[in-house]
Amino acid sequence: MPLPKGEVRITLSQAAQVVPNEPTATTLWNWQEYGLRGIRLEVERVGTRISTSEKAVKRFLKLVSDRVEADRKQVRARREKRSTSRVAS
């Protein structure tokens, strides 16, 4: 999938430096190939080369962060529902 026009293409190694804790390029490759929590890193392939952009990495991290927060809210809601149903019994 092509990246939006106007975004500067960078290698996965360069993109890894944008991410806090600087994961390896292999980690970013896994994110684009398999995803994380159902979300894949946007990349552009030209031949055997894979590139992404700093903005794509930031979008990916934001989406994953939002997904984690939504999952936490669901877990809290389920726990509250269970605890209130036990009290009512």
C-alpha atoms as a PDB file:
ATOM      1  CA  MET A   1       0.000   0.000   0.000  1.00  0.00           C
ATOM      2  CA  PRO A   2       1.531   3.316  -1.006  1.00  0.00           C
ATOM      3  CA  LEU A   3       2.190   5.922   1.643  1.00  0.00           C
ATOM      4  CA  PRO A   4       0.422   9.285   1.322  1.00  0.00           C
ATOM      5  CA  LYS A   5       2.088  11.762  -1.024  1.00  0.00           C
ATOM      6  CA  GLY A   6       4.401  14.257   0.592  1.00  0.00           C
ATOM      7  CA  GLU A   7       5.616  11.916   3.332  1.00  0.00           C
ATOM      8  CA  VAL A   8       9.372  11.374   3.377  1.00  0.00           C
ATOM      9  CA  ARG A   9      10.232   7.692   2.933  1.00  0.00           C
ATOM     10  CA  ILE A  10      12.642   6.177   5.431  1.00  0.00           C
ATOM     11  CA  THR A  11      13.994   2.670   5.933  1.00  0.00           C
ATOM     12  CA  LEU A  12      12.752   0.457   8.742  1.00  0.00           C
ATOM     13  CA  SER A  13      16.126   0.933  10.470  1.00  0.00           C
ATOM     14  CA  GLN A  14      15.669   4.692  10.390  1.00  0.00           C
ATOM     15  CA  ALA A  15      12.059   4.349  11.524  1.00  0.00           C
ATOM     16  CA  ALA A  16      13.150   2.273  14.518  1.00  0.00           C
ATOM     17  CA  GLN A  17      15.022   5.318  15.796  1.00  0.00           C
ATOM     18  CA  VAL A  18      11.753   7.301  15.866  1.00  0.00           C
ATOM     19  CA  VAL A  19      10.103   4.828  18.254  1.00  0.00           C
ATOM     20  CA  PRO A  20      10.685   5.181  21.998  1.00  0.00           C
ATOM     21  CA  ASN A  21      13.085   2.499  23.297  1.00  0.00           C
ATOM     22  CA  GLU A  22      14.405   2.109  19.720  1.00  0.00           C
ATOM     23  CA  PRO A  23      13.228  -1.380  18.755  1.00  0.00           C
ATOM     24  CA  THR A  24      15.120  -3.235  16.053  1.00  0.00           C
ATOM     25  CA  ALA A  25      14.286  -2.988  12.375  1.00  0.00           C
ATOM     26  CA  THR A  26      13.120  -6.602  12.662  1.00  0.00           C
ATOM     27  CA  THR A  27      10.450  -5.506  15.142  1.00  0.00           C
ATOM     28  CA  LEU A  28       9.171  -2.935  12.660  1.00  0.00           C
ATOM     29  CA  TRP A  29       9.249  -5.555   9.933  1.00  0.00           C
ATOM     30  CA  ASN A  30       7.067  -7.763  12.147  1.00  0.00           C
ATOM     31  CA  TRP A  31       4.681  -4.850  12.744  1.00  0.00           C
ATOM     32  CA  GLN A  32       4.246  -4.324   9.004  1.00  0.00           C
ATOM     33  CA  GLU A  33       4.012  -8.036   8.231  1.00  0.00           C
ATOM     34  CA  TYR A  34       1.924  -9.383  11.137  1.00  0.00           C
ATOM     35  CA  GLY A  35       0.686  -6.283  12.926  1.00  0.00           C
ATOM     36  CA  LEU A  36       0.289  -5.558  16.608  1.00  0.00           C
ATOM     37  CA  ARG A  37      -3.149  -5.881  18.208  1.00  0.00           C
ATOM     38  CA  GLY A  38      -4.624  -6.168  14.733  1.00  0.00           C
ATOM     39  CA  ILE A  39      -2.974  -3.004  13.392  1.00  0.00           C
ATOM     40  CA  ARG A  40      -0.238  -3.031  10.748  1.00  0.00           C
ATOM     41  CA  LEU A  41       2.466  -0.460  10.154  1.00  0.00           C
ATOM     42  CA  GLU A  42       1.955   1.311   6.834  1.00  0.00           C
ATOM     43  CA  VAL A  43       4.765   0.613   4.383  1.00  0.00           C
ATOM     44  CA  GLU A  44       5.544   0.984   0.728  1.00  0.00           C
ATOM     45  CA  ARG A  45       7.336  -1.750  -1.187  1.00  0.00           C
ATOM     46  CA  VAL A  46       9.423  -1.045  -4.251  1.00  0.00           C
ATOM     47  CA  GLY A  47      10.979  -4.236  -5.458  1.00  0.00           C
ATOM     48  CA  THR A  48      12.583  -5.816  -2.427  1.00  0.00           C
ATOM     49  CA  ARG A  49      12.884  -2.522  -0.527  1.00  0.00           C
ATOM     50  CA  ILE A  50      10.442  -1.648   2.232  1.00  0.00           C
ATOM     51  CA  SER A  51      10.036   1.927   3.378  1.00  0.00           C
ATOM     52  CA  THR A  52       7.726   3.761   5.724  1.00  0.00           C
ATOM     53  CA  SER A  53       7.548   7.303   7.039  1.00  0.00           C
ATOM     54  CA  GLU A  54       7.915   8.969  10.415  1.00  0.00           C
ATOM     55  CA  LYS A  55       4.273  10.026  10.193  1.00  0.00           C
ATOM     56  CA  ALA A  56       3.205   6.424   9.452  1.00  0.00           C
ATOM     57  CA  VAL A  57       5.116   5.217  12.520  1.00  0.00           C
ATOM     58  CA  LYS A  58       3.473   7.879  14.686  1.00  0.00           C
ATOM     59  CA  ARG A  59       0.014   6.965  13.304  1.00  0.00           C
ATOM     60  CA  PHE A  60       0.715   3.291  14.042  1.00  0.00           C
ATOM     61  CA  LEU A  61       1.828   3.998  17.613  1.00  0.00           C
ATOM     62  CA  LYS A  62      -1.228   6.192  18.226  1.00  0.00           C
ATOM     63  CA  LEU A  63      -3.608   3.518  16.906  1.00  0.00           C
ATOM     64  CA  VAL A  64      -1.969   0.797  18.994  1.00  0.00           C
ATOM     65  CA  SER A  65      -2.045   3.030  22.079  1.00  0.00           C
ATOM     66  CA  ASP A  66      -5.740   3.777  21.515  1.00  0.00           C
ATOM     67  CA  ARG A  67      -6.446   0.049  21.081  1.00  0.00           C
ATOM     68  CA  VAL A  68      -4.639  -0.766  24.346  1.00  0.00           C
ATOM     69  CA  GLU A  69      -6.668   1.867  26.189  1.00  0.00           C
ATOM     70  CA  ALA A  70      -9.941   0.579  24.696  1.00  0.00           C
ATOM     71  CA  ASP A  71      -9.016  -2.979  25.736  1.00  0.00           C
ATOM     72  CA  ARG A  72      -8.291  -1.802  29.278  1.00  0.00           C
ATOM     73  CA  LYS A  73     -11.687  -0.083  29.474  1.00  0.00           C
ATOM     74  CA  GLN A  74     -13.404  -3.277  28.338  1.00  0.00           C
ATOM     75  CA  VAL A  75     -11.585  -5.321  30.970  1.00  0.00           C
ATOM     76  CA  ARG A  76     -12.515  -2.821  33.699  1.00  0.00           C
ATOM     77  CA  ALA A  77     -16.152  -2.845  32.593  1.00  0.00           C
ATOM     78  CA  ARG A  78     -16.271  -6.659  32.658  1.00  0.00           C
ATOM     79  CA  ARG A  79     -14.712  -6.758  36.110  1.00  0.00           C
ATOM     80  CA  GLU A  80     -17.170  -4.186  37.433  1.00  0.00           C
ATOM     81  CA  LYS A  81     -20.080  -6.082  35.911  1.00  0.00           C
ATOM     82  CA  ARG A  82     -18.895  -9.333  37.525  1.00  0.00           C
ATOM     83  CA  SER A  83     -18.380  -7.735  40.910  1.00  0.00           C
ATOM     84  CA  THR A  84     -21.816  -6.080  40.893  1.00  0.00           C
ATOM     85  CA  SER A  85     -23.524  -9.313  39.817  1.00  0.00           C
ATOM     86  CA  ARG A  86     -21.810 -11.194  42.672  1.00  0.00           C
ATOM     87  CA  VAL A  87     -22.934  -8.597  45.188  1.00  0.00           C
ATOM     88  CA  ALA A  88     -26.527  -8.786  43.888  1.00  0.00           C
ATOM     89  CA  SER A  89     -26.598 -12.591  44.241  1.00  0.00           C
END
